Protein backbone atom coordinates (compact mmCIF):
# COMPACT_ATOMS: atom_id res chain seq x y z
CA MET A 1 0.31 -0.25 -0.05
CA THR A 2 1.52 3.59 -0.90
CA MET A 3 1.41 6.02 1.31
CA GLN A 4 0.68 9.80 -0.74
CA GLN A 5 1.85 12.95 1.81
CA LEU A 6 0.07 16.48 1.43
CA MET A 7 0.26 19.90 1.99
CA ILE A 8 -2.63 22.20 2.50
CA PRO A 9 -2.59 26.30 3.41
CA VAL A 10 -6.13 27.21 5.17
CA THR A 11 -6.19 30.13 6.25
CA VAL A 12 -10.42 30.80 8.58
CA THR A 13 -11.16 34.61 8.19
CA SER A 14 -13.75 37.05 10.63
CA ARG A 15 -16.37 37.26 7.76
CA GLN A 16 -16.14 33.40 7.70
CA ILE A 17 -16.86 33.08 11.53
CA GLU A 18 -19.88 35.99 11.34
CA GLU A 19 -21.31 33.72 8.69
CA TYR A 20 -20.78 30.55 9.86
CA GLY A 21 -22.41 31.82 13.22
CA HIS A 22 -24.97 33.66 11.91
CA ALA A 23 -26.11 30.11 9.91
CA SER A 24 -25.47 27.33 12.34
CA GLY A 25 -27.30 29.92 14.98
CA ASP A 26 -23.96 29.40 17.75
CA LEU A 27 -23.99 33.52 18.34
CA ASN A 28 -21.83 32.66 21.23
CA PRO A 29 -19.72 35.74 21.65
CA LEU A 30 -16.08 34.19 22.42
CA HIS A 31 -16.58 32.91 18.13
CA MET A 32 -19.04 36.40 17.00
CA ASP A 33 -17.27 39.09 18.71
CA PRO A 34 -13.50 39.89 19.41
CA GLU A 35 -14.09 42.07 22.38
CA ALA A 36 -15.75 39.39 24.54
CA ALA A 37 -13.54 36.85 23.82
CA LYS A 38 -10.12 39.63 24.71
CA LYS A 39 -12.54 39.61 28.39
CA GLU A 40 -12.92 35.95 28.49
CA GLY A 41 -8.65 36.07 27.82
CA TYR A 42 -8.22 34.65 23.94
CA ARG A 43 -6.20 36.91 22.11
CA ASP A 44 -9.27 37.78 20.06
CA GLN A 45 -12.52 35.29 18.72
CA ILE A 46 -11.76 31.89 18.63
CA VAL A 47 -13.47 29.98 15.29
CA HIS A 48 -16.35 27.21 16.22
CA GLY A 49 -15.07 23.51 16.12
CA LEU A 50 -17.91 22.20 13.55
CA LEU A 51 -16.36 24.93 11.31
CA MET A 52 -13.16 24.10 11.06
CA MET A 53 -14.08 20.30 10.89
CA GLY A 54 -16.55 21.05 7.47
CA ILE A 55 -13.23 23.20 6.37
CA CYS A 56 -10.82 20.63 7.18
CA TRP A 57 -13.20 17.93 5.26
CA SER A 58 -13.91 19.88 2.04
CA ARG A 59 -10.14 20.60 1.74
CA ILE A 60 -9.71 17.29 1.89
CA THR A 61 -12.68 16.04 -0.60
CA GLU A 62 -10.61 18.81 -2.58
CA THR A 63 -7.42 16.85 -2.73
CA LEU A 64 -8.97 13.66 -2.90
CA GLY A 65 -11.15 13.61 -5.89
CA GLN A 66 -14.13 12.27 -3.45
CA LYS A 67 -15.98 13.59 -0.41
CA PRO A 68 -14.56 10.27 2.77
CA GLU A 69 -17.53 8.70 4.79
CA ARG A 70 -16.35 9.57 7.82
CA LEU A 71 -13.99 12.09 9.58
CA SER A 72 -12.95 12.30 13.22
CA ALA A 73 -12.34 14.84 14.26
CA LYS A 74 -9.70 15.73 17.98
CA PHE A 75 -9.76 19.28 18.99
CA LYS A 76 -6.23 20.60 21.29
CA ASP A 77 -5.87 23.85 20.35
CA ILE A 78 -7.87 26.70 19.51
CA VAL A 79 -8.35 28.19 15.84
CA TYR A 80 -8.13 32.16 15.13
CA PRO A 81 -8.77 34.12 12.44
CA ASP A 82 -6.57 34.67 9.59
CA GLU A 83 -3.33 32.26 11.62
CA GLN A 84 -1.91 31.02 8.57
CA LEU A 85 -2.17 27.03 8.84
CA LEU A 86 -1.69 23.95 6.98
CA LEU A 87 -3.37 20.95 6.93
CA GLU A 88 -1.35 18.43 6.54
CA LEU A 89 -2.42 14.97 5.32
CA GLU A 90 -0.80 11.27 5.31
CA VAL A 91 -3.58 9.47 2.66
CA SER A 92 -3.34 5.67 1.32
CA SER A 93 -3.93 4.32 -2.05
CA ASP A 94 -7.37 2.91 -0.13
CA GLY A 95 -7.93 6.56 0.82
CA GLU A 96 -7.96 5.89 4.56
CA GLY A 97 -5.62 8.56 6.31
CA THR A 98 -5.01 10.97 8.76
CA GLY A 99 -3.65 14.62 9.66
CA SER A 100 -3.91 17.59 11.32
CA LEU A 101 -3.98 21.20 11.31
CA THR A 102 -1.19 22.82 12.58
CA GLY A 103 -0.89 26.38 13.82
CA PRO A 104 2.30 28.95 12.75
CA ASP A 105 4.63 27.67 15.55
CA GLY A 106 3.93 24.02 14.69
CA THR A 107 1.33 22.95 17.54
CA VAL A 108 -1.46 20.84 16.77
CA LYS A 109 -4.96 22.29 16.28
CA VAL A 110 -6.82 19.64 14.65
CA ALA A 111 -5.92 16.30 14.45
CA LEU A 112 -8.09 14.03 12.31
CA GLU A 113 -8.81 10.34 10.42
CA PHE A 114 -10.64 10.24 7.48
CA GLY A 115 -11.46 7.32 4.58
CA HIS A 116 -14.36 5.44 3.81
CA LYS A 117 -13.59 1.73 5.66
CA GLY A 118 -16.11 1.83 8.70
CA GLY A 119 -18.27 4.35 7.75
CA ASN A 120 -21.45 5.47 7.30
CA PRO A 121 -22.32 7.28 3.67
C-alpha cells in the first residue's frame, strides 16, 4: 500500500466565522465578538470547532477528488482568524488517512482521521 503526503494551506477569516455563526445559530460571543473573547482571556475571537471541521472536510474532499465516508476530529488547540494554518495529510492508496491542522508555530490545532472503511454513507 502506498502512502501520499499532502500539505494544504488553510486560513479562516473573521467573515467566515461570522457567516458560519449566523448560518448555524451559534452566536456565542467568544466566536462572534473579538472584544468579548478578549475579556475572557483570548487574543481574538475563536473559530467554531464545527466550522474548522467542515473546512478540513472540504479540503480533504477537494484534494482526494471524492468525499470520505467518515471524518473524526480531535480539537487540540484554539484556532484564531487569519492564522496561517497547514493541513498535513497522509493518505493511503485505499483512501484511508490521518492528518493534522497545525498553527504557524507547529502546534497541532486539530488531529484528523478519515476514510471509507467503517463509514456510514
